[in-house]
């Protein structure tokens, strides 16, 4: 599991069949203080997270393959939750 920030979405004219119909989100992994760590990743997003929202990304490719009903899917990352914002 990774904590990440939604930095945009990706489109592709050619996709693996298991990714068709799913939103692809550009996710920037962050630490608990909101600082960028690692490089951005592309994740399937069924939560409709908005730009700059903090999300939880699963890196469990086996679960994702079950989610898209394709045991041969090359996909690895999926947004599983939107993190509630803390009120000041």
N, C-alpha and C. Protein backbone atom coordinates (compact mmCIF):
# COMPACT_ATOMS: atom_id res chain seq x y z
N UNK A 1 0.84 -1.17 0.00
CA UNK A 1 0.00 0.00 0.00
C UNK A 1 0.89 1.24 0.00
N UNK A 2 0.47 2.23 -0.77
CA UNK A 2 1.19 3.49 -0.86
C UNK A 2 0.23 4.64 -0.59
N UNK A 3 0.72 5.68 0.04
CA UNK A 3 -0.01 6.92 0.15
C UNK A 3 0.41 7.75 -1.05
N UNK A 4 -0.55 8.35 -1.75
CA UNK A 4 -0.23 9.09 -2.97
C UNK A 4 -1.17 10.27 -3.15
N UNK A 5 -0.76 11.18 -4.03
CA UNK A 5 -1.56 12.35 -4.39
C UNK A 5 -1.92 12.22 -5.87
N UNK A 6 -3.18 12.49 -6.21
CA UNK A 6 -3.60 12.46 -7.61
C UNK A 6 -3.06 13.70 -8.30
N UNK A 7 -2.20 13.49 -9.30
CA UNK A 7 -1.60 14.61 -10.04
C UNK A 7 -2.17 14.77 -11.44
N UNK A 8 -3.12 13.92 -11.81
CA UNK A 8 -3.74 14.04 -13.13
C UNK A 8 -4.29 12.71 -13.58
N UNK A 9 -4.66 12.67 -14.84
CA UNK A 9 -5.13 11.41 -15.41
C UNK A 9 -4.39 11.16 -16.71
N UNK A 10 -4.40 9.91 -17.13
CA UNK A 10 -3.71 9.52 -18.35
C UNK A 10 -4.72 8.94 -19.33
N UNK A 11 -4.47 9.17 -20.59
CA UNK A 11 -5.29 8.56 -21.63
C UNK A 11 -4.36 7.77 -22.55
N UNK A 12 -4.92 6.75 -23.14
CA UNK A 12 -4.13 5.94 -24.06
C UNK A 12 -5.03 5.48 -25.20
N UNK A 13 -4.55 5.64 -26.40
CA UNK A 13 -5.34 5.20 -27.55
C UNK A 13 -5.32 3.68 -27.68
N UNK A 14 -4.26 3.07 -27.18
CA UNK A 14 -4.16 1.61 -27.18
C UNK A 14 -3.92 1.18 -25.74
N UNK A 15 -4.80 0.32 -25.24
CA UNK A 15 -4.70 -0.18 -23.87
C UNK A 15 -4.80 -1.70 -23.88
N UNK A 16 -4.26 -2.28 -22.85
CA UNK A 16 -4.49 -3.71 -22.66
C UNK A 16 -5.99 -3.88 -22.44
N UNK A 17 -6.59 -4.94 -22.96
CA UNK A 17 -8.05 -5.11 -22.81
C UNK A 17 -8.54 -5.02 -21.36
N UNK A 18 -7.73 -5.41 -20.40
CA UNK A 18 -8.16 -5.37 -18.99
C UNK A 18 -8.24 -3.95 -18.45
N UNK A 19 -7.67 -2.97 -19.17
CA UNK A 19 -7.70 -1.57 -18.71
C UNK A 19 -8.78 -0.76 -19.41
N UNK A 20 -9.44 -1.35 -20.40
CA UNK A 20 -10.48 -0.60 -21.13
C UNK A 20 -11.66 -0.30 -20.22
N UNK A 21 -12.10 0.95 -20.28
CA UNK A 21 -13.24 1.37 -19.48
C UNK A 21 -12.88 1.86 -18.10
N UNK A 22 -11.63 1.77 -17.71
CA UNK A 22 -11.19 2.22 -16.39
C UNK A 22 -10.47 3.56 -16.51
N UNK A 23 -10.61 4.40 -15.50
CA UNK A 23 -9.88 5.66 -15.43
C UNK A 23 -8.45 5.35 -15.01
N UNK A 24 -7.49 5.97 -15.67
CA UNK A 24 -6.09 5.84 -15.31
C UNK A 24 -5.65 7.13 -14.63
N UNK A 25 -5.20 7.03 -13.40
CA UNK A 25 -4.79 8.20 -12.63
C UNK A 25 -3.27 8.24 -12.49
N UNK A 26 -2.71 9.45 -12.58
CA UNK A 26 -1.29 9.65 -12.31
C UNK A 26 -1.19 9.92 -10.82
N UNK A 27 -0.49 9.04 -10.11
CA UNK A 27 -0.39 9.11 -8.66
C UNK A 27 1.05 9.36 -8.24
N UNK A 28 1.26 10.42 -7.47
CA UNK A 28 2.58 10.73 -6.94
C UNK A 28 2.68 10.19 -5.52
N UNK A 29 3.50 9.15 -5.30
CA UNK A 29 3.67 8.65 -3.93
C UNK A 29 4.19 9.75 -3.01
N UNK A 30 3.64 9.80 -1.80
CA UNK A 30 4.03 10.81 -0.82
C UNK A 30 4.27 10.16 0.54
N UNK A 31 4.98 10.89 1.42
CA UNK A 31 5.14 10.40 2.78
C UNK A 31 4.02 10.97 3.64
N UNK A 32 4.03 10.67 4.93
CA UNK A 32 2.94 11.11 5.82
C UNK A 32 2.88 12.63 5.98
N UNK A 33 3.95 13.34 5.59
CA UNK A 33 3.96 14.80 5.65
C UNK A 33 3.57 15.44 4.32
N UNK A 34 3.28 14.61 3.31
CA UNK A 34 2.88 15.12 2.00
C UNK A 34 4.02 15.39 1.05
N UNK A 35 5.24 15.01 1.42
CA UNK A 35 6.41 15.21 0.56
C UNK A 35 6.50 14.11 -0.48
N UNK A 36 6.86 14.48 -1.71
CA UNK A 36 7.00 13.51 -2.79
C UNK A 36 8.10 12.50 -2.48
N UNK A 37 7.82 11.24 -2.75
CA UNK A 37 8.82 10.18 -2.66
C UNK A 37 8.67 9.32 -3.90
N UNK A 38 9.74 8.78 -4.38
CA UNK A 38 9.74 7.92 -5.57
C UNK A 38 9.23 8.67 -6.80
N UNK A 39 8.95 7.91 -7.84
CA UNK A 39 8.47 8.50 -9.09
C UNK A 39 6.96 8.26 -9.22
N UNK A 40 6.28 9.09 -10.00
CA UNK A 40 4.84 8.90 -10.18
C UNK A 40 4.52 7.54 -10.81
N UNK A 41 3.33 7.05 -10.53
CA UNK A 41 2.87 5.77 -11.08
C UNK A 41 1.50 5.98 -11.72
N UNK A 42 1.12 5.08 -12.58
CA UNK A 42 -0.21 5.07 -13.19
C UNK A 42 -1.01 3.98 -12.48
N UNK A 43 -2.21 4.35 -12.00
CA UNK A 43 -3.05 3.38 -11.28
C UNK A 43 -4.48 3.44 -11.81
N UNK A 44 -5.14 2.30 -11.84
CA UNK A 44 -6.57 2.27 -12.15
C UNK A 44 -7.29 2.94 -10.99
N UNK A 45 -8.27 3.78 -11.32
CA UNK A 45 -8.99 4.51 -10.28
C UNK A 45 -10.49 4.35 -10.47
N UNK A 46 -11.11 3.63 -9.57
CA UNK A 46 -12.56 3.45 -9.58
C UNK A 46 -13.22 4.35 -8.53
N UNK A 47 -12.42 5.15 -7.82
CA UNK A 47 -12.95 6.02 -6.75
C UNK A 47 -13.33 7.40 -7.26
N UNK A 48 -12.91 7.73 -8.49
CA UNK A 48 -13.11 9.08 -9.05
C UNK A 48 -12.48 10.15 -8.18
N UNK A 49 -11.30 9.89 -7.68
CA UNK A 49 -10.58 10.86 -6.86
C UNK A 49 -10.27 12.11 -7.68
N UNK A 50 -10.39 13.25 -7.04
CA UNK A 50 -10.16 14.54 -7.69
C UNK A 50 -8.68 14.90 -7.70
N UNK A 51 -8.34 15.85 -8.54
CA UNK A 51 -6.98 16.35 -8.63
C UNK A 51 -6.50 16.81 -7.26
N UNK A 52 -5.31 16.41 -6.88
CA UNK A 52 -4.64 16.76 -5.62
C UNK A 52 -5.22 16.08 -4.38
N UNK A 53 -6.18 15.18 -4.54
CA UNK A 53 -6.66 14.44 -3.38
C UNK A 53 -5.63 13.40 -2.99
N UNK A 54 -5.58 13.09 -1.69
CA UNK A 54 -4.70 12.06 -1.18
C UNK A 54 -5.46 10.73 -1.22
N UNK A 55 -4.78 9.70 -1.73
CA UNK A 55 -5.41 8.39 -1.89
C UNK A 55 -4.48 7.29 -1.38
N UNK A 56 -5.07 6.11 -1.22
CA UNK A 56 -4.30 4.92 -0.91
C UNK A 56 -4.24 4.10 -2.19
N UNK A 57 -3.04 3.69 -2.57
CA UNK A 57 -2.83 2.90 -3.78
C UNK A 57 -2.32 1.52 -3.37
N UNK A 58 -2.98 0.50 -3.88
CA UNK A 58 -2.53 -0.87 -3.63
C UNK A 58 -1.59 -1.29 -4.75
N UNK A 59 -0.52 -1.97 -4.37
CA UNK A 59 0.43 -2.48 -5.37
C UNK A 59 0.27 -3.99 -5.52
N UNK A 60 -0.85 -4.53 -5.05
CA UNK A 60 -1.11 -5.96 -5.11
C UNK A 60 -1.69 -6.32 -6.48
N UNK A 61 -0.83 -6.70 -7.39
CA UNK A 61 -1.25 -7.00 -8.75
C UNK A 61 -2.22 -8.17 -8.82
N UNK A 62 -2.08 -9.15 -7.92
CA UNK A 62 -2.98 -10.31 -7.93
C UNK A 62 -4.42 -9.88 -7.65
N UNK A 63 -4.60 -9.02 -6.67
CA UNK A 63 -5.95 -8.52 -6.35
C UNK A 63 -6.49 -7.70 -7.51
N UNK A 64 -5.66 -6.89 -8.13
CA UNK A 64 -6.10 -6.08 -9.27
C UNK A 64 -6.54 -6.98 -10.43
N UNK A 65 -5.81 -8.04 -10.68
CA UNK A 65 -6.20 -8.96 -11.77
C UNK A 65 -7.57 -9.59 -11.50
N UNK A 66 -7.86 -9.88 -10.24
CA UNK A 66 -9.18 -10.40 -9.88
C UNK A 66 -10.24 -9.31 -10.07
N UNK A 67 -9.90 -8.07 -9.74
CA UNK A 67 -10.82 -6.94 -9.84
C UNK A 67 -11.24 -6.69 -11.28
N UNK A 68 -10.29 -6.82 -12.22
CA UNK A 68 -10.60 -6.58 -13.64
C UNK A 68 -10.97 -7.88 -14.37
N UNK A 69 -11.04 -8.99 -13.64
CA UNK A 69 -11.45 -10.29 -14.18
C UNK A 69 -10.56 -10.75 -15.33
N UNK A 70 -9.23 -10.57 -15.15
CA UNK A 70 -8.29 -11.00 -16.17
C UNK A 70 -7.01 -11.51 -15.49
N UNK A 71 -6.83 -12.82 -15.40
CA UNK A 71 -5.65 -13.36 -14.72
C UNK A 71 -4.33 -13.08 -15.45
N UNK A 72 -4.40 -12.60 -16.69
CA UNK A 72 -3.19 -12.29 -17.46
C UNK A 72 -2.91 -10.79 -17.54
N UNK A 73 -3.68 -9.97 -16.83
CA UNK A 73 -3.52 -8.52 -16.90
C UNK A 73 -2.13 -8.09 -16.42
N UNK A 74 -1.48 -7.17 -17.16
CA UNK A 74 -0.17 -6.68 -16.74
C UNK A 74 -0.27 -5.55 -15.71
N UNK A 75 -1.47 -5.15 -15.36
CA UNK A 75 -1.66 -4.03 -14.44
C UNK A 75 -1.22 -4.39 -13.03
N UNK A 76 -0.78 -3.36 -12.28
CA UNK A 76 -0.29 -3.63 -10.93
C UNK A 76 -0.92 -2.73 -9.88
N UNK A 77 -1.14 -1.45 -10.18
CA UNK A 77 -1.57 -0.49 -9.17
C UNK A 77 -3.05 -0.12 -9.32
N UNK A 78 -3.73 0.06 -8.17
CA UNK A 78 -5.10 0.55 -8.19
C UNK A 78 -5.35 1.44 -6.98
N UNK A 79 -6.13 2.49 -7.21
CA UNK A 79 -6.53 3.37 -6.11
C UNK A 79 -7.64 2.65 -5.37
N UNK A 80 -7.46 2.47 -4.06
CA UNK A 80 -8.46 1.73 -3.28
C UNK A 80 -9.29 2.62 -2.38
N UNK A 81 -8.74 3.75 -1.93
CA UNK A 81 -9.44 4.62 -1.00
C UNK A 81 -9.03 6.08 -1.20
N UNK A 82 -9.95 6.98 -0.89
CA UNK A 82 -9.65 8.41 -0.81
C UNK A 82 -9.46 8.71 0.66
N UNK A 83 -8.38 9.41 0.99
CA UNK A 83 -8.07 9.75 2.39
C UNK A 83 -8.86 11.00 2.78
N UNK A 84 -9.58 10.92 3.88
CA UNK A 84 -10.32 12.08 4.36
C UNK A 84 -9.37 13.19 4.73
N UNK A 85 -9.79 14.43 4.41
CA UNK A 85 -8.97 15.59 4.74
C UNK A 85 -9.13 15.92 6.22
N UNK A 86 -8.04 16.31 6.84
CA UNK A 86 -8.06 16.70 8.24
C UNK A 86 -8.45 18.15 8.34
N UNK A 87 -9.43 18.45 9.19
CA UNK A 87 -9.85 19.85 9.35
C UNK A 87 -8.93 20.57 10.31
N UNK A 88 -8.66 21.83 10.02
CA UNK A 88 -7.75 22.63 10.86
C UNK A 88 -8.49 23.25 12.00
